Amino acid sequence: MIRDSQNMEPLVSQATSLLKSLSHADRLMICCQLRGGEMSVGALEGELGIPQPRLSRELAKLREEGLLEARREARAVYYTLADTRAHAMVDAICSVMLGKDADPDVRIRKR
């Protein structure tokens, strides 16, 4: 294993910020759902069972942190993962937690 602390040092702050964003249960579940592609707020609410006000708050936080992008179509708002590093991190977390290779087409449902 090659140690590259000089190149890694400036990235530690970015990695820490990303991990903090994903360390909240609702935000992680939202990102897990979005691994498979774009979803509307209504679809996320239905899949995750997170009450709409709380879901909107967490979506706004993820968007502020640059992890999500939103687009509006009529009255519906659709979200997608915007950060490739966040996508890779969520894939890795899902892979570890599910005990298999991460599959972006597999959406995780809240129990």
N, C-alpha and C. Protein backbone atom coordinates (compact mmCIF):
# COMPACT_ATOMS: atom_id res chain seq x y z
N MET A 1 0.84 -1.19 0.00
CA MET A 1 0.00 0.00 0.00
C MET A 1 0.88 1.24 0.00
N ILE A 2 0.62 2.14 -0.91
CA ILE A 2 1.39 3.38 -1.02
C ILE A 2 0.74 4.43 -0.13
N ARG A 3 1.56 5.05 0.70
CA ARG A 3 1.06 6.12 1.57
C ARG A 3 1.33 7.45 0.87
N ASP A 4 0.28 8.25 0.76
CA ASP A 4 0.39 9.50 0.02
C ASP A 4 -0.24 10.62 0.84
N SER A 5 0.26 10.83 2.05
CA SER A 5 -0.36 11.79 2.96
C SER A 5 -0.26 13.22 2.44
N GLN A 6 0.76 13.56 1.70
CA GLN A 6 0.86 14.92 1.18
C GLN A 6 -0.27 15.24 0.22
N ASN A 7 -0.62 14.30 -0.63
CA ASN A 7 -1.71 14.53 -1.56
C ASN A 7 -3.07 14.38 -0.90
N MET A 8 -3.15 13.56 0.14
CA MET A 8 -4.42 13.30 0.80
C MET A 8 -4.80 14.43 1.76
N GLU A 9 -3.82 15.07 2.35
CA GLU A 9 -4.09 16.07 3.38
C GLU A 9 -5.10 17.15 2.97
N PRO A 10 -4.99 17.75 1.80
CA PRO A 10 -5.97 18.77 1.43
C PRO A 10 -7.38 18.21 1.21
N LEU A 11 -7.47 16.91 0.94
CA LEU A 11 -8.76 16.29 0.66
C LEU A 11 -9.48 15.83 1.92
N VAL A 12 -8.78 15.79 3.04
CA VAL A 12 -9.37 15.31 4.29
C VAL A 12 -10.55 16.17 4.70
N SER A 13 -10.45 17.45 4.54
CA SER A 13 -11.56 18.35 4.88
C SER A 13 -12.79 18.05 4.05
N GLN A 14 -12.59 17.82 2.76
CA GLN A 14 -13.70 17.49 1.87
C GLN A 14 -14.33 16.14 2.26
N ALA A 15 -13.49 15.17 2.56
CA ALA A 15 -13.98 13.85 2.96
C ALA A 15 -14.75 13.93 4.27
N THR A 16 -14.25 14.71 5.21
CA THR A 16 -14.93 14.87 6.49
C THR A 16 -16.29 15.51 6.30
N SER A 17 -16.37 16.51 5.46
CA SER A 17 -17.64 17.18 5.18
C SER A 17 -18.64 16.21 4.55
N LEU A 18 -18.18 15.42 3.61
CA LEU A 18 -19.04 14.43 2.95
C LEU A 18 -19.54 13.40 3.97
N LEU A 19 -18.65 12.91 4.80
CA LEU A 19 -19.04 11.92 5.81
C LEU A 19 -20.04 12.50 6.81
N LYS A 20 -19.85 13.77 7.18
CA LYS A 20 -20.81 14.42 8.08
C LYS A 20 -22.19 14.50 7.44
N SER A 21 -22.22 14.82 6.16
CA SER A 21 -23.50 14.91 5.45
C SER A 21 -24.22 13.57 5.43
N LEU A 22 -23.47 12.50 5.26
CA LEU A 22 -24.06 11.17 5.17
C LEU A 22 -24.27 10.52 6.53
N SER A 23 -23.82 11.16 7.59
CA SER A 23 -23.92 10.54 8.91
C SER A 23 -25.30 10.68 9.54
N HIS A 24 -26.18 11.43 8.94
CA HIS A 24 -27.56 11.58 9.42
C HIS A 24 -28.41 10.49 8.76
N ALA A 25 -29.18 9.75 9.55
CA ALA A 25 -29.93 8.59 9.03
C ALA A 25 -30.85 8.96 7.87
N ASP A 26 -31.63 10.02 8.00
CA ASP A 26 -32.55 10.39 6.92
C ASP A 26 -31.79 10.79 5.66
N ARG A 27 -30.71 11.55 5.82
CA ARG A 27 -29.95 11.97 4.64
C ARG A 27 -29.30 10.78 3.94
N LEU A 28 -28.81 9.82 4.71
CA LEU A 28 -28.22 8.63 4.11
C LEU A 28 -29.29 7.83 3.38
N MET A 29 -30.46 7.68 3.97
CA MET A 29 -31.54 6.94 3.31
C MET A 29 -31.96 7.63 2.01
N ILE A 30 -32.04 8.95 2.03
CA ILE A 30 -32.38 9.71 0.82
C ILE A 30 -31.34 9.42 -0.27
N CYS A 31 -30.07 9.51 0.08
CA CYS A 31 -29.01 9.26 -0.90
C CYS A 31 -29.04 7.82 -1.40
N CYS A 32 -29.33 6.88 -0.51
CA CYS A 32 -29.45 5.48 -0.95
C CYS A 32 -30.56 5.33 -1.97
N GLN A 33 -31.67 5.98 -1.76
CA GLN A 33 -32.78 5.91 -2.72
C GLN A 33 -32.39 6.51 -4.06
N LEU A 34 -31.63 7.59 -4.02
CA LEU A 34 -31.28 8.30 -5.25
C LEU A 34 -30.15 7.63 -6.02
N ARG A 35 -29.56 6.57 -5.49
CA ARG A 35 -28.53 5.83 -6.22
C ARG A 35 -29.07 5.31 -7.54
N GLY A 36 -30.34 4.94 -7.55
CA GLY A 36 -30.94 4.37 -8.76
C GLY A 36 -31.41 5.40 -9.76
N GLY A 37 -31.26 6.67 -9.43
CA GLY A 37 -31.66 7.72 -10.36
C GLY A 37 -32.61 8.72 -9.72
N GLU A 38 -33.03 9.63 -10.52
CA GLU A 38 -33.87 10.75 -10.11
C GLU A 38 -35.20 10.28 -9.52
N MET A 39 -35.63 10.98 -8.46
CA MET A 39 -36.93 10.71 -7.83
C MET A 39 -37.57 12.02 -7.41
N SER A 40 -38.90 12.02 -7.42
CA SER A 40 -39.64 13.20 -6.96
C SER A 40 -39.71 13.18 -5.43
N VAL A 41 -40.01 14.33 -4.86
CA VAL A 41 -40.18 14.42 -3.41
C VAL A 41 -41.29 13.48 -2.95
N GLY A 42 -42.38 13.45 -3.71
CA GLY A 42 -43.50 12.57 -3.36
C GLY A 42 -43.11 11.10 -3.36
N ALA A 43 -42.32 10.69 -4.36
CA ALA A 43 -41.87 9.30 -4.43
C ALA A 43 -40.93 8.97 -3.27
N LEU A 44 -40.04 9.91 -2.94
CA LEU A 44 -39.14 9.70 -1.80
C LEU A 44 -39.94 9.57 -0.51
N GLU A 45 -40.93 10.43 -0.34
CA GLU A 45 -41.76 10.38 0.86
C GLU A 45 -42.47 9.03 0.96
N GLY A 46 -43.01 8.55 -0.15
CA GLY A 46 -43.70 7.28 -0.15
C GLY A 46 -42.78 6.10 0.13
N GLU A 47 -41.60 6.11 -0.44
CA GLU A 47 -40.65 5.01 -0.26
C GLU A 47 -40.05 4.98 1.14
N LEU A 48 -39.73 6.16 1.67
CA LEU A 48 -39.00 6.23 2.93
C LEU A 48 -39.88 6.41 4.16
N GLY A 49 -41.09 6.92 3.95
CA GLY A 49 -41.96 7.15 5.10
C GLY A 49 -41.50 8.30 5.98
N ILE A 50 -40.68 9.18 5.44
CA ILE A 50 -40.23 10.36 6.19
C ILE A 50 -41.29 11.44 5.99
N PRO A 51 -41.82 12.02 7.07
CA PRO A 51 -42.82 13.07 6.91
C PRO A 51 -42.30 14.21 6.03
N GLN A 52 -43.17 14.77 5.20
CA GLN A 52 -42.78 15.76 4.21
C GLN A 52 -41.99 16.94 4.77
N PRO A 53 -42.38 17.54 5.89
CA PRO A 53 -41.58 18.68 6.37
C PRO A 53 -40.13 18.28 6.70
N ARG A 54 -39.97 17.13 7.33
CA ARG A 54 -38.61 16.67 7.67
C ARG A 54 -37.85 16.30 6.41
N LEU A 55 -38.52 15.64 5.46
CA LEU A 55 -37.89 15.26 4.21
C LEU A 55 -37.40 16.51 3.46
N SER A 56 -38.24 17.53 3.38
CA SER A 56 -37.86 18.77 2.70
C SER A 56 -36.66 19.43 3.37
N ARG A 57 -36.63 19.41 4.69
CA ARG A 57 -35.50 19.99 5.42
C ARG A 57 -34.20 19.26 5.09
N GLU A 58 -34.25 17.92 5.07
CA GLU A 58 -33.04 17.14 4.80
C GLU A 58 -32.62 17.25 3.33
N LEU A 59 -33.59 17.31 2.42
CA LEU A 59 -33.26 17.52 1.00
C LEU A 59 -32.58 18.87 0.81
N ALA A 60 -33.09 19.90 1.48
CA ALA A 60 -32.49 21.23 1.38
C ALA A 60 -31.06 21.22 1.91
N LYS A 61 -30.84 20.51 3.00
CA LYS A 61 -29.49 20.44 3.57
C LYS A 61 -28.54 19.74 2.60
N LEU A 62 -28.96 18.62 2.03
CA LEU A 62 -28.12 17.91 1.07
C LEU A 62 -27.85 18.76 -0.17
N ARG A 63 -28.83 19.52 -0.57
CA ARG A 63 -28.67 20.40 -1.73
C ARG A 63 -27.68 21.53 -1.41
N GLU A 64 -27.82 22.12 -0.23
CA GLU A 64 -26.89 23.18 0.20
C GLU A 64 -25.45 22.67 0.23
N GLU A 65 -25.29 21.41 0.61
CA GLU A 65 -23.96 20.83 0.73
C GLU A 65 -23.43 20.33 -0.62
N GLY A 66 -24.23 20.49 -1.67
CA GLY A 66 -23.78 20.15 -3.01
C GLY A 66 -23.89 18.68 -3.38
N LEU A 67 -24.58 17.90 -2.55
CA LEU A 67 -24.70 16.47 -2.84
C LEU A 67 -25.85 16.16 -3.79
N LEU A 68 -26.86 17.03 -3.80
CA LEU A 68 -28.03 16.81 -4.65
C LEU A 68 -28.25 17.97 -5.59
N GLU A 69 -28.88 17.65 -6.72
CA GLU A 69 -29.38 18.66 -7.65
C GLU A 69 -30.89 18.49 -7.73
N ALA A 70 -31.57 19.59 -7.95
CA ALA A 70 -33.03 19.55 -8.05
C ALA A 70 -33.47 20.17 -9.37
N ARG A 71 -34.58 19.68 -9.86
CA ARG A 71 -35.20 20.30 -11.03
C ARG A 71 -36.71 20.29 -10.79
N ARG A 72 -37.34 21.32 -11.26
CA ARG A 72 -38.79 21.47 -11.09
C ARG A 72 -39.48 21.16 -12.41
N GLU A 73 -40.55 20.40 -12.32
CA GLU A 73 -41.39 20.11 -13.47
C GLU A 73 -42.83 20.34 -13.02
N ALA A 74 -43.41 21.43 -13.49
CA ALA A 74 -44.73 21.87 -13.02
C ALA A 74 -44.66 22.05 -11.50
N ARG A 75 -45.45 21.33 -10.75
CA ARG A 75 -45.45 21.48 -9.29
C ARG A 75 -44.54 20.48 -8.59
N ALA A 76 -44.00 19.53 -9.33
CA ALA A 76 -43.17 18.48 -8.74
C ALA A 76 -41.70 18.89 -8.77
N VAL A 77 -40.97 18.50 -7.72
CA VAL A 77 -39.53 18.73 -7.65
C VAL A 77 -38.86 17.36 -7.65
N TYR A 78 -37.86 17.21 -8.52
CA TYR A 78 -37.14 15.95 -8.66
C TYR A 78 -35.70 16.15 -8.20
N TYR A 79 -35.18 15.15 -7.51
CA TYR A 79 -33.81 15.21 -7.00
C TYR A 79 -32.98 14.09 -7.58
N THR A 80 -31.69 14.37 -7.70
CA THR A 80 -30.72 13.39 -8.14
C THR A 80 -29.40 13.63 -7.41
N LEU A 81 -28.60 12.57 -7.26
CA LEU A 81 -27.28 12.74 -6.67
C LEU A 81 -26.43 13.55 -7.65
N ALA A 82 -25.78 14.59 -7.15
CA ALA A 82 -25.02 15.48 -8.01
C ALA A 82 -23.52 15.28 -7.89
N ASP A 83 -23.10 14.70 -6.82
CA ASP A 83 -21.68 14.59 -6.51
C ASP A 83 -21.24 13.14 -6.74
N THR A 84 -20.30 12.93 -7.65
CA THR A 84 -19.86 11.57 -7.95
C THR A 84 -19.18 10.92 -6.75
N ARG A 85 -18.51 11.74 -5.93
CA ARG A 85 -17.88 11.18 -4.73
C ARG A 85 -18.93 10.71 -3.74
N ALA A 86 -20.01 11.48 -3.61
CA ALA A 86 -21.10 11.07 -2.71
C ALA A 86 -21.73 9.80 -3.24
N HIS A 87 -21.91 9.71 -4.55
CA HIS A 87 -22.50 8.51 -5.15
C HIS A 87 -21.62 7.29 -4.84
N ALA A 88 -20.32 7.44 -5.02
CA ALA A 88 -19.39 6.34 -4.75
C ALA A 88 -19.41 5.96 -3.27
N MET A 89 -19.46 6.96 -2.40
CA MET A 89 -19.48 6.70 -0.96
C MET A 89 -20.77 5.97 -0.56
N VAL A 90 -21.90 6.42 -1.08
CA VAL A 90 -23.18 5.77 -0.79
C VAL A 90 -23.17 4.35 -1.33
N ASP A 91 -22.64 4.14 -2.52
CA ASP A 91 -22.53 2.79 -3.07
C ASP A 91 -21.70 1.90 -2.14
N ALA A 92 -20.59 2.44 -1.66
CA ALA A 92 -19.72 1.66 -0.77
C ALA A 92 -20.43 1.33 0.54
N ILE A 93 -21.13 2.30 1.12
CA ILE A 93 -21.85 2.07 2.36
C ILE A 93 -22.92 1.00 2.16
N CYS A 94 -23.68 1.11 1.08
CA CYS A 94 -24.73 0.13 0.80
C CYS A 94 -24.13 -1.26 0.59
N SER A 95 -23.02 -1.31 -0.12
CA SER A 95 -22.36 -2.58 -0.36
C SER A 95 -21.95 -3.24 0.95
N VAL A 96 -21.35 -2.48 1.82
CA VAL A 96 -20.91 -3.02 3.12
C VAL A 96 -22.10 -3.43 3.96
N MET A 97 -23.11 -2.57 4.05
CA MET A 97 -24.25 -2.85 4.91
C MET A 97 -25.12 -4.00 4.39
N LEU A 98 -25.22 -4.11 3.07
CA LEU A 98 -26.02 -5.18 2.49
C LEU A 98 -25.21 -6.47 2.31
N GLY A 99 -23.88 -6.37 2.50
CA GLY A 99 -23.03 -7.54 2.40
C GLY A 99 -22.84 -8.06 0.99
N LYS A 100 -22.90 -7.17 0.02
CA LYS A 100 -22.71 -7.57 -1.38
C LYS A 100 -22.26 -6.37 -2.19
N ASP A 101 -21.99 -6.62 -3.47
CA ASP A 101 -21.61 -5.52 -4.36
C ASP A 101 -22.77 -4.55 -4.47
N ALA A 102 -22.46 -3.27 -4.46
CA ALA A 102 -23.49 -2.24 -4.57
C ALA A 102 -24.12 -2.30 -5.95
N ASP A 103 -25.43 -2.25 -5.98
CA ASP A 103 -26.19 -2.25 -7.23
C ASP A 103 -27.04 -1.00 -7.23
N PRO A 104 -26.76 -0.01 -8.09
CA PRO A 104 -27.51 1.24 -8.07
C PRO A 104 -28.99 1.06 -8.38
N ASP A 105 -29.37 -0.08 -8.97
CA ASP A 105 -30.78 -0.31 -9.27
C ASP A 105 -31.56 -0.83 -8.06
N VAL A 106 -30.84 -1.19 -7.00
CA VAL A 106 -31.51 -1.68 -5.79
C VAL A 106 -31.73 -0.51 -4.86
N ARG A 107 -32.99 -0.18 -4.64
CA ARG A 107 -33.32 0.89 -3.73
C ARG A 107 -33.55 0.32 -2.35
N ILE A 108 -33.11 1.03 -1.35
CA ILE A 108 -33.26 0.58 0.03
C ILE A 108 -34.53 1.18 0.61
N ARG A 109 -35.34 0.35 1.20
CA ARG A 109 -36.60 0.80 1.79
C ARG A 109 -36.46 0.89 3.29
N LYS A 110 -37.05 1.93 3.85
CA LYS A 110 -37.06 2.10 5.30
C LYS A 110 -38.00 1.05 5.88
N ARG A 111 -37.59 0.48 7.00
CA ARG A 111 -38.43 -0.54 7.65
C ARG A 111 -39.35 0.06 8.64
